[in-house]
All heavy atoms as atom14 arrays in JSON, in Angstrom:
{
  "sequence": "GGEAGPDLDEVAAAAGISAAELVALHTGGVHRVAMLGHLPG",
  "atom14_mask": [
    [1, 1, 1, 1, 0, 0, 0, 0, 0, 0, 0, 0, 0, 0],
    [1, 1, 1, 1, 0, 0, 0, 0, 0, 0, 0, 0, 0, 0],
    [1, 1, 1, 1, 1, 1, 1, 1, 1, 0, 0, 0, 0, 0],
    [1, 1, 1, 1, 1, 0, 0, 0, 0, 0, 0, 0, 0, 0],
    [1, 1, 1, 1, 0, 0, 0, 0, 0, 0, 0, 0, 0, 0],
    [1, 1, 1, 1, 1, 1, 1, 0, 0, 0, 0, 0, 0, 0],
    [1, 1, 1, 1, 1, 1, 1, 1, 0, 0, 0, 0, 0, 0],
    [1, 1, 1, 1, 1, 1, 1, 1, 0, 0, 0, 0, 0, 0],
    [1, 1, 1, 1, 1, 1, 1, 1, 0, 0, 0, 0, 0, 0],
    [1, 1, 1, 1, 1, 1, 1, 1, 1, 0, 0, 0, 0, 0],
    [1, 1, 1, 1, 1, 1, 1, 0, 0, 0, 0, 0, 0, 0],
    [1, 1, 1, 1, 1, 0, 0, 0, 0, 0, 0, 0, 0, 0],
    [1, 1, 1, 1, 1, 0, 0, 0, 0, 0, 0, 0, 0, 0],
    [1, 1, 1, 1, 1, 0, 0, 0, 0, 0, 0, 0, 0, 0],
    [1, 1, 1, 1, 1, 0, 0, 0, 0, 0, 0, 0, 0, 0],
    [1, 1, 1, 1, 0, 0, 0, 0, 0, 0, 0, 0, 0, 0],
    [1, 1, 1, 1, 1, 1, 1, 1, 0, 0, 0, 0, 0, 0],
    [1, 1, 1, 1, 1, 1, 0, 0, 0, 0, 0, 0, 0, 0],
    [1, 1, 1, 1, 1, 0, 0, 0, 0, 0, 0, 0, 0, 0],
    [1, 1, 1, 1, 1, 0, 0, 0, 0, 0, 0, 0, 0, 0],
    [1, 1, 1, 1, 1, 1, 1, 1, 1, 0, 0, 0, 0, 0],
    [1, 1, 1, 1, 1, 1, 1, 1, 0, 0, 0, 0, 0, 0],
    [1, 1, 1, 1, 1, 1, 1, 0, 0, 0, 0, 0, 0, 0],
    [1, 1, 1, 1, 1, 0, 0, 0, 0, 0, 0, 0, 0, 0],
    [1, 1, 1, 1, 1, 1, 1, 1, 0, 0, 0, 0, 0, 0],
    [1, 1, 1, 1, 1, 1, 1, 1, 1, 1, 0, 0, 0, 0],
    [1, 1, 1, 1, 1, 1, 1, 0, 0, 0, 0, 0, 0, 0],
    [1, 1, 1, 1, 0, 0, 0, 0, 0, 0, 0, 0, 0, 0],
    [1, 1, 1, 1, 0, 0, 0, 0, 0, 0, 0, 0, 0, 0],
    [1, 1, 1, 1, 1, 1, 1, 0, 0, 0, 0, 0, 0, 0],
    [1, 1, 1, 1, 1, 1, 1, 1, 1, 1, 0, 0, 0, 0],
    [1, 1, 1, 1, 1, 1, 1, 1, 1, 1, 1, 0, 0, 0],
    [1, 1, 1, 1, 1, 1, 1, 0, 0, 0, 0, 0, 0, 0],
    [1, 1, 1, 1, 1, 0, 0, 0, 0, 0, 0, 0, 0, 0],
    [1, 1, 1, 1, 1, 1, 1, 1, 0, 0, 0, 0, 0, 0],
    [1, 1, 1, 1, 1, 1, 1, 1, 0, 0, 0, 0, 0, 0],
    [1, 1, 1, 1, 0, 0, 0, 0, 0, 0, 0, 0, 0, 0],
    [1, 1, 1, 1, 1, 1, 1, 1, 1, 1, 0, 0, 0, 0],
    [1, 1, 1, 1, 1, 1, 1, 1, 0, 0, 0, 0, 0, 0],
    [1, 1, 1, 1, 1, 1, 1, 0, 0, 0, 0, 0, 0, 0],
    [1, 1, 1, 1, 0, 0, 0, 0, 0, 0, 0, 0, 0, 0]
  ],
  "atom14_positions": [
    [[-142.03, 110.01, 43.61], [-142.89, 108.96, 43.78], [-142.36, 107.61, 43.66], [-141.17, 107.38, 43.49], [0.0, 0.0, 0.0], [0.0, 0.0, 0.0], [0.0, 0.0, 0.0], [0.0, 0.0, 0.0], [0.0, 0.0, 0.0], [0.0, 0.0, 0.0], [0.0, 0.0, 0.0], [0.0, 0.0, 0.0], [0.0, 0.0, 0.0], [0.0, 0.0, 0.0]],
    [[-143.26, 106.52, 43.7], [-142.74, 105.14, 43.63], [-141.76, 104.81, 44.76], [-141.9, 105.32, 45.88], [0.0, 0.0, 0.0], [0.0, 0.0, 0.0], [0.0, 0.0, 0.0], [0.0, 0.0, 0.0], [0.0, 0.0, 0.0], [0.0, 0.0, 0.0], [0.0, 0.0, 0.0], [0.0, 0.0, 0.0], [0.0, 0.0, 0.0], [0.0, 0.0, 0.0]],
    [[-140.87, 103.91, 44.4], [-139.83, 103.53, 45.43], [-138.98, 104.72, 45.82], [-138.52, 104.72, 46.98], [-138.9, 102.51, 44.74], [-137.82, 101.94, 45.68], [-136.96, 100.93, 45.02], [-137.23, 100.48, 43.93], [-135.85, 100.55, 45.66], [0.0, 0.0, 0.0], [0.0, 0.0, 0.0], [0.0, 0.0, 0.0], [0.0, 0.0, 0.0], [0.0, 0.0, 0.0]],
    [[-138.78, 105.66, 44.99], [-137.99, 106.83, 45.3], [-138.67, 107.79, 46.29], [-138.02, 108.5, 47.05], [-137.6, 107.55, 44.05], [0.0, 0.0, 0.0], [0.0, 0.0, 0.0], [0.0, 0.0, 0.0], [0.0, 0.0, 0.0], [0.0, 0.0, 0.0], [0.0, 0.0, 0.0], [0.0, 0.0, 0.0], [0.0, 0.0, 0.0], [0.0, 0.0, 0.0]],
    [[-140.08, 107.82, 46.29], [-140.74, 108.77, 47.06], [-141.96, 108.1, 47.64], [-143.14, 108.45, 47.23], [0.0, 0.0, 0.0], [0.0, 0.0, 0.0], [0.0, 0.0, 0.0], [0.0, 0.0, 0.0], [0.0, 0.0, 0.0], [0.0, 0.0, 0.0], [0.0, 0.0, 0.0], [0.0, 0.0, 0.0], [0.0, 0.0, 0.0], [0.0, 0.0, 0.0]],
    [[-141.93, 107.16, 48.51], [-142.88, 106.35, 49.07], [-144.05, 107.15, 49.85], [-145.11, 106.56, 49.99], [-142.28, 105.34, 50.02], [-141.0, 106.05, 50.43], [-140.57, 106.77, 49.16], [0.0, 0.0, 0.0], [0.0, 0.0, 0.0], [0.0, 0.0, 0.0], [0.0, 0.0, 0.0], [0.0, 0.0, 0.0], [0.0, 0.0, 0.0], [0.0, 0.0, 0.0]],
    [[-143.75, 108.33, 50.16], [-144.76, 109.17, 51.03], [-145.48, 110.19, 50.05], [-146.22, 110.98, 50.59], [-144.06, 109.93, 52.13], [-143.33, 108.93, 53.18], [-144.01, 107.89, 53.28], [-142.37, 109.22, 53.67], [0.0, 0.0, 0.0], [0.0, 0.0, 0.0], [0.0, 0.0, 0.0], [0.0, 0.0, 0.0], [0.0, 0.0, 0.0], [0.0, 0.0, 0.0]],
    [[-145.16, 110.24, 48.76], [-145.7, 111.29, 47.91], [-147.28, 111.27, 47.93], [-147.84, 112.26, 48.14], [-145.26, 111.05, 46.53], [-145.75, 112.08, 45.4], [-145.27, 113.48, 45.66], [-145.41, 111.61, 43.99], [0.0, 0.0, 0.0], [0.0, 0.0, 0.0], [0.0, 0.0, 0.0], [0.0, 0.0, 0.0], [0.0, 0.0, 0.0], [0.0, 0.0, 0.0]],
    [[-147.89, 110.13, 47.76], [-149.33, 110.09, 47.68], [-150.01, 110.5, 48.99], [-150.93, 111.16, 49.08], [-149.78, 108.69, 47.32], [-149.48, 108.34, 45.93], [-149.3, 109.29, 45.13], [-149.41, 107.13, 45.61], [0.0, 0.0, 0.0], [0.0, 0.0, 0.0], [0.0, 0.0, 0.0], [0.0, 0.0, 0.0], [0.0, 0.0, 0.0], [0.0, 0.0, 0.0]],
    [[-149.35, 110.14, 50.22], [-149.86, 110.38, 51.51], [-149.77, 111.93, 51.75], [-150.74, 112.47, 52.23], [-149.22, 109.59, 52.48], [-149.58, 109.87, 54.01], [-148.86, 109.06, 55.01], [-148.06, 108.23, 54.6], [-149.03, 109.29, 56.15], [0.0, 0.0, 0.0], [0.0, 0.0, 0.0], [0.0, 0.0, 0.0], [0.0, 0.0, 0.0], [0.0, 0.0, 0.0]],
    [[-148.63, 112.47, 51.32], [-148.52, 113.97, 51.57], [-149.48, 114.7, 50.61], [-150.17, 115.68, 51.08], [-147.02, 114.33, 51.25], [-146.95, 115.87, 51.39], [-146.1, 113.73, 52.38], [0.0, 0.0, 0.0], [0.0, 0.0, 0.0], [0.0, 0.0, 0.0], [0.0, 0.0, 0.0], [0.0, 0.0, 0.0], [0.0, 0.0, 0.0], [0.0, 0.0, 0.0]],
    [[-149.66, 114.24, 49.5], [-150.62, 115.03, 48.55], [-152.02, 114.86, 49.09], [-152.73, 115.86, 48.99], [-150.59, 114.19, 47.15], [0.0, 0.0, 0.0], [0.0, 0.0, 0.0], [0.0, 0.0, 0.0], [0.0, 0.0, 0.0], [0.0, 0.0, 0.0], [0.0, 0.0, 0.0], [0.0, 0.0, 0.0], [0.0, 0.0, 0.0], [0.0, 0.0, 0.0]],
    [[-152.4, 113.69, 49.59], [-153.8, 113.42, 50.09], [-153.95, 114.42, 51.35], [-155.05, 115.0, 51.48], [-153.98, 112.07, 50.53], [0.0, 0.0, 0.0], [0.0, 0.0, 0.0], [0.0, 0.0, 0.0], [0.0, 0.0, 0.0], [0.0, 0.0, 0.0], [0.0, 0.0, 0.0], [0.0, 0.0, 0.0], [0.0, 0.0, 0.0], [0.0, 0.0, 0.0]],
    [[-153.04, 114.5, 52.23], [-153.1, 115.44, 53.37], [-153.21, 116.88, 52.95], [-153.92, 117.68, 53.62], [-151.89, 115.25, 54.27], [0.0, 0.0, 0.0], [0.0, 0.0, 0.0], [0.0, 0.0, 0.0], [0.0, 0.0, 0.0], [0.0, 0.0, 0.0], [0.0, 0.0, 0.0], [0.0, 0.0, 0.0], [0.0, 0.0, 0.0], [0.0, 0.0, 0.0]],
    [[-152.67, 117.23, 51.82], [-152.77, 118.54, 51.29], [-154.0, 118.85, 50.39], [-154.3, 119.98, 50.07], [-151.5, 118.97, 50.44], [0.0, 0.0, 0.0], [0.0, 0.0, 0.0], [0.0, 0.0, 0.0], [0.0, 0.0, 0.0], [0.0, 0.0, 0.0], [0.0, 0.0, 0.0], [0.0, 0.0, 0.0], [0.0, 0.0, 0.0], [0.0, 0.0, 0.0]],
    [[-154.73, 117.79, 50.17], [-156.0, 117.9, 49.36], [-155.71, 118.13, 47.86], [-156.55, 118.67, 47.29], [0.0, 0.0, 0.0], [0.0, 0.0, 0.0], [0.0, 0.0, 0.0], [0.0, 0.0, 0.0], [0.0, 0.0, 0.0], [0.0, 0.0, 0.0], [0.0, 0.0, 0.0], [0.0, 0.0, 0.0], [0.0, 0.0, 0.0], [0.0, 0.0, 0.0]],
    [[-154.6, 117.6, 47.38], [-154.24, 117.75, 45.98], [-153.79, 116.44, 45.46], [-153.49, 115.44, 46.21], [-153.18, 118.79, 45.78], [-151.86, 118.49, 46.59], [-153.63, 120.24, 46.13], [-150.75, 119.49, 46.43], [0.0, 0.0, 0.0], [0.0, 0.0, 0.0], [0.0, 0.0, 0.0], [0.0, 0.0, 0.0], [0.0, 0.0, 0.0], [0.0, 0.0, 0.0]],
    [[-153.67, 116.3, 44.17], [-153.2, 115.0, 43.55], [-151.66, 114.99, 43.59], [-150.91, 115.99, 43.9], [-153.52, 114.99, 42.04], [-152.87, 115.9, 41.33], [0.0, 0.0, 0.0], [0.0, 0.0, 0.0], [0.0, 0.0, 0.0], [0.0, 0.0, 0.0], [0.0, 0.0, 0.0], [0.0, 0.0, 0.0], [0.0, 0.0, 0.0], [0.0, 0.0, 0.0]],
    [[-151.09, 113.77, 43.39], [-149.73, 113.67, 43.43], [-149.07, 114.49, 42.33], [-147.97, 115.1, 42.53], [-149.31, 112.14, 43.25], [0.0, 0.0, 0.0], [0.0, 0.0, 0.0], [0.0, 0.0, 0.0], [0.0, 0.0, 0.0], [0.0, 0.0, 0.0], [0.0, 0.0, 0.0], [0.0, 0.0, 0.0], [0.0, 0.0, 0.0], [0.0, 0.0, 0.0]],
    [[-149.62, 114.52, 41.16], [-149.03, 115.42, 40.16], [-149.11, 116.86, 40.45], [-148.15, 117.64, 40.12], [-149.9, 115.16, 38.86], [0.0, 0.0, 0.0], [0.0, 0.0, 0.0], [0.0, 0.0, 0.0], [0.0, 0.0, 0.0], [0.0, 0.0, 0.0], [0.0, 0.0, 0.0], [0.0, 0.0, 0.0], [0.0, 0.0, 0.0], [0.0, 0.0, 0.0]],
    [[-150.18, 117.25, 41.12], [-150.18, 118.78, 41.62], [-149.12, 119.01, 42.7], [-148.5, 120.12, 42.73], [-151.57, 119.07, 42.11], [-152.68, 119.12, 41.06], [-153.99, 119.27, 41.67], [-154.29, 118.69, 42.74], [-154.83, 119.95, 41.05], [0.0, 0.0, 0.0], [0.0, 0.0, 0.0], [0.0, 0.0, 0.0], [0.0, 0.0, 0.0], [0.0, 0.0, 0.0]],
    [[-148.92, 118.02, 43.53], [-147.8, 118.18, 44.54], [-146.46, 118.36, 43.87], [-145.68, 119.21, 44.23], [-147.82, 117.03, 45.51], [-146.75, 116.95, 46.6], [-146.63, 118.27, 47.38], [-146.96, 115.74, 47.48], [0.0, 0.0, 0.0], [0.0, 0.0, 0.0], [0.0, 0.0, 0.0], [0.0, 0.0, 0.0], [0.0, 0.0, 0.0], [0.0, 0.0, 0.0]],
    [[-146.14, 117.48, 42.86], [-144.89, 117.58, 42.25], [-144.74, 118.94, 41.54], [-143.69, 119.55, 41.6], [-144.81, 116.34, 41.13], [-143.47, 116.7, 40.33], [-144.73, 115.12, 41.92], [0.0, 0.0, 0.0], [0.0, 0.0, 0.0], [0.0, 0.0, 0.0], [0.0, 0.0, 0.0], [0.0, 0.0, 0.0], [0.0, 0.0, 0.0], [0.0, 0.0, 0.0]],
    [[-145.84, 119.34, 40.93], [-145.76, 120.64, 40.29], [-145.61, 121.76, 41.27], [-144.81, 122.79, 40.99], [-147.12, 120.95, 39.49], [0.0, 0.0, 0.0], [0.0, 0.0, 0.0], [0.0, 0.0, 0.0], [0.0, 0.0, 0.0], [0.0, 0.0, 0.0], [0.0, 0.0, 0.0], [0.0, 0.0, 0.0], [0.0, 0.0, 0.0], [0.0, 0.0, 0.0]],
    [[-146.16, 121.72, 42.33], [-145.96, 122.69, 43.49], [-144.46, 122.66, 43.93], [-143.87, 123.76, 44.04], [-146.91, 122.41, 44.62], [-146.88, 123.47, 45.87], [-148.26, 123.36, 46.52], [-145.79, 123.04, 46.84], [0.0, 0.0, 0.0], [0.0, 0.0, 0.0], [0.0, 0.0, 0.0], [0.0, 0.0, 0.0], [0.0, 0.0, 0.0], [0.0, 0.0, 0.0]],
    [[-143.92, 121.54, 44.21], [-142.63, 121.39, 44.73], [-141.59, 121.71, 43.84], [-140.42, 122.15, 44.2], [-142.43, 119.87, 45.24], [-141.4, 119.81, 46.25], [-140.32, 118.97, 46.17], [-141.27, 120.3, 47.54], [-139.65, 119.06, 47.31], [-140.16, 119.85, 48.04], [0.0, 0.0, 0.0], [0.0, 0.0, 0.0], [0.0, 0.0, 0.0], [0.0, 0.0, 0.0]],
    [[-141.81, 121.57, 42.48], [-140.79, 122.02, 41.47], [-141.1, 123.39, 40.81], [-140.25, 123.89, 39.96], [-140.81, 120.97, 40.32], [-142.15, 120.83, 39.71], [-140.43, 119.6, 40.88], [0.0, 0.0, 0.0], [0.0, 0.0, 0.0], [0.0, 0.0, 0.0], [0.0, 0.0, 0.0], [0.0, 0.0, 0.0], [0.0, 0.0, 0.0], [0.0, 0.0, 0.0]],
    [[-142.23, 124.0, 41.16], [-142.6, 125.17, 40.57], [-142.07, 126.46, 41.22], [-142.28, 127.58, 40.66], [0.0, 0.0, 0.0], [0.0, 0.0, 0.0], [0.0, 0.0, 0.0], [0.0, 0.0, 0.0], [0.0, 0.0, 0.0], [0.0, 0.0, 0.0], [0.0, 0.0, 0.0], [0.0, 0.0, 0.0], [0.0, 0.0, 0.0], [0.0, 0.0, 0.0]],
    [[-141.32, 126.31, 42.29], [-140.73, 127.59, 42.91], [-139.28, 127.36, 43.16], [-138.7, 126.31, 43.02], [0.0, 0.0, 0.0], [0.0, 0.0, 0.0], [0.0, 0.0, 0.0], [0.0, 0.0, 0.0], [0.0, 0.0, 0.0], [0.0, 0.0, 0.0], [0.0, 0.0, 0.0], [0.0, 0.0, 0.0], [0.0, 0.0, 0.0], [0.0, 0.0, 0.0]],
    [[-138.66, 128.39, 43.74], [-137.26, 128.37, 44.14], [-137.14, 127.99, 45.6], [-137.82, 128.6, 46.52], [-136.59, 129.76, 43.86], [-135.15, 129.73, 44.34], [-136.66, 130.08, 42.37], [0.0, 0.0, 0.0], [0.0, 0.0, 0.0], [0.0, 0.0, 0.0], [0.0, 0.0, 0.0], [0.0, 0.0, 0.0], [0.0, 0.0, 0.0], [0.0, 0.0, 0.0]],
    [[-136.3, 127.08, 45.84], [-136.0, 126.68, 47.25], [-134.63, 127.41, 47.64], [-133.74, 127.54, 46.81], [-135.68, 125.14, 47.33], [-136.9, 124.35, 46.92], [-137.74, 123.67, 47.79], [-137.3, 124.01, 45.73], [-138.62, 123.06, 47.16], [-138.47, 123.19, 45.86], [0.0, 0.0, 0.0], [0.0, 0.0, 0.0], [0.0, 0.0, 0.0], [0.0, 0.0, 0.0]],
    [[-134.59, 127.75, 48.87], [-133.37, 128.53, 49.39], [-132.8, 127.74, 50.55], [-133.47, 127.2, 51.44], [-133.83, 129.92, 49.94], [-132.69, 130.64, 50.61], [-131.82, 131.37, 49.61], [-132.51, 132.44, 48.96], [-131.86, 133.44, 48.19], [-130.67, 133.21, 47.92], [-132.53, 134.29, 47.58], [0.0, 0.0, 0.0], [0.0, 0.0, 0.0], [0.0, 0.0, 0.0]],
    [[-131.39, 127.52, 50.44], [-130.71, 126.75, 51.45], [-130.67, 127.76, 52.71], [-130.01, 128.8, 52.71], [-129.39, 126.41, 51.11], [-128.67, 125.67, 52.22], [-129.38, 125.52, 49.82], [0.0, 0.0, 0.0], [0.0, 0.0, 0.0], [0.0, 0.0, 0.0], [0.0, 0.0, 0.0], [0.0, 0.0, 0.0], [0.0, 0.0, 0.0], [0.0, 0.0, 0.0]],
    [[-131.43, 127.44, 53.77], [-131.36, 128.23, 54.95], [-130.23, 127.81, 55.84], [-129.65, 128.76, 56.56], [-132.66, 127.99, 55.76], [0.0, 0.0, 0.0], [0.0, 0.0, 0.0], [0.0, 0.0, 0.0], [0.0, 0.0, 0.0], [0.0, 0.0, 0.0], [0.0, 0.0, 0.0], [0.0, 0.0, 0.0], [0.0, 0.0, 0.0], [0.0, 0.0, 0.0]],
    [[-129.85, 126.53, 55.91], [-128.71, 126.11, 56.72], [-128.33, 124.65, 56.37], [-129.08, 124.06, 55.68], [-129.12, 126.13, 58.26], [-130.36, 125.2, 58.65], [-130.68, 124.97, 60.37], [-129.31, 123.94, 60.82], [0.0, 0.0, 0.0], [0.0, 0.0, 0.0], [0.0, 0.0, 0.0], [0.0, 0.0, 0.0], [0.0, 0.0, 0.0], [0.0, 0.0, 0.0]],
    [[-127.23, 124.35, 56.92], [-126.67, 122.91, 56.73], [-126.69, 122.35, 58.15], [-126.29, 123.01, 59.15], [-125.4, 122.79, 56.13], [-125.17, 123.46, 54.77], [-123.73, 123.22, 54.35], [-126.15, 122.73, 53.79], [0.0, 0.0, 0.0], [0.0, 0.0, 0.0], [0.0, 0.0, 0.0], [0.0, 0.0, 0.0], [0.0, 0.0, 0.0], [0.0, 0.0, 0.0]],
    [[-127.09, 121.09, 58.35], [-127.1, 120.57, 59.68], [-127.6, 119.13, 59.74], [-127.96, 118.49, 58.77], [0.0, 0.0, 0.0], [0.0, 0.0, 0.0], [0.0, 0.0, 0.0], [0.0, 0.0, 0.0], [0.0, 0.0, 0.0], [0.0, 0.0, 0.0], [0.0, 0.0, 0.0], [0.0, 0.0, 0.0], [0.0, 0.0, 0.0], [0.0, 0.0, 0.0]],
    [[-127.57, 118.52, 60.99], [-128.0, 117.22, 61.26], [-127.1, 116.09, 60.72], [-126.6, 115.31, 61.42], [-129.45, 116.9, 60.8], [-129.97, 115.55, 61.1], [-129.97, 114.98, 62.32], [-130.43, 114.65, 60.19], [-130.37, 113.72, 62.23], [-130.77, 113.52, 60.95], [0.0, 0.0, 0.0], [0.0, 0.0, 0.0], [0.0, 0.0, 0.0], [0.0, 0.0, 0.0]],
    [[-126.93, 116.15, 59.41], [-125.95, 115.33, 58.74], [-124.98, 116.12, 57.94], [-125.29, 117.2, 57.5], [-126.59, 114.25, 57.79], [-127.58, 113.35, 58.4], [-128.4, 112.59, 57.41], [-126.76, 112.26, 59.33], [0.0, 0.0, 0.0], [0.0, 0.0, 0.0], [0.0, 0.0, 0.0], [0.0, 0.0, 0.0], [0.0, 0.0, 0.0], [0.0, 0.0, 0.0]],
    [[-123.72, 115.72, 57.62], [-122.81, 116.51, 56.9], [-123.4, 116.94, 55.55], [-123.68, 116.05, 54.7], [-121.49, 115.61, 56.79], [-121.58, 114.67, 57.94], [-123.13, 114.49, 58.19], [0.0, 0.0, 0.0], [0.0, 0.0, 0.0], [0.0, 0.0, 0.0], [0.0, 0.0, 0.0], [0.0, 0.0, 0.0], [0.0, 0.0, 0.0], [0.0, 0.0, 0.0]],
    [[-123.46, 118.25, 55.29], [-123.98, 118.63, 54.0], [-125.42, 118.63, 53.82], [-125.87, 118.8, 52.59], [0.0, 0.0, 0.0], [0.0, 0.0, 0.0], [0.0, 0.0, 0.0], [0.0, 0.0, 0.0], [0.0, 0.0, 0.0], [0.0, 0.0, 0.0], [0.0, 0.0, 0.0], [0.0, 0.0, 0.0], [0.0, 0.0, 0.0], [0.0, 0.0, 0.0]]
  ]
}
């Protein structure tokens, strides 16, 4: 959020949840690196 995440509130609103709930969702599970690309690393 804030300057670091300027789209946080907009994404949360689109998902029908609060910003805090979005952060909890995004940090609550394991992310898996599927590939590297577009930019180095």
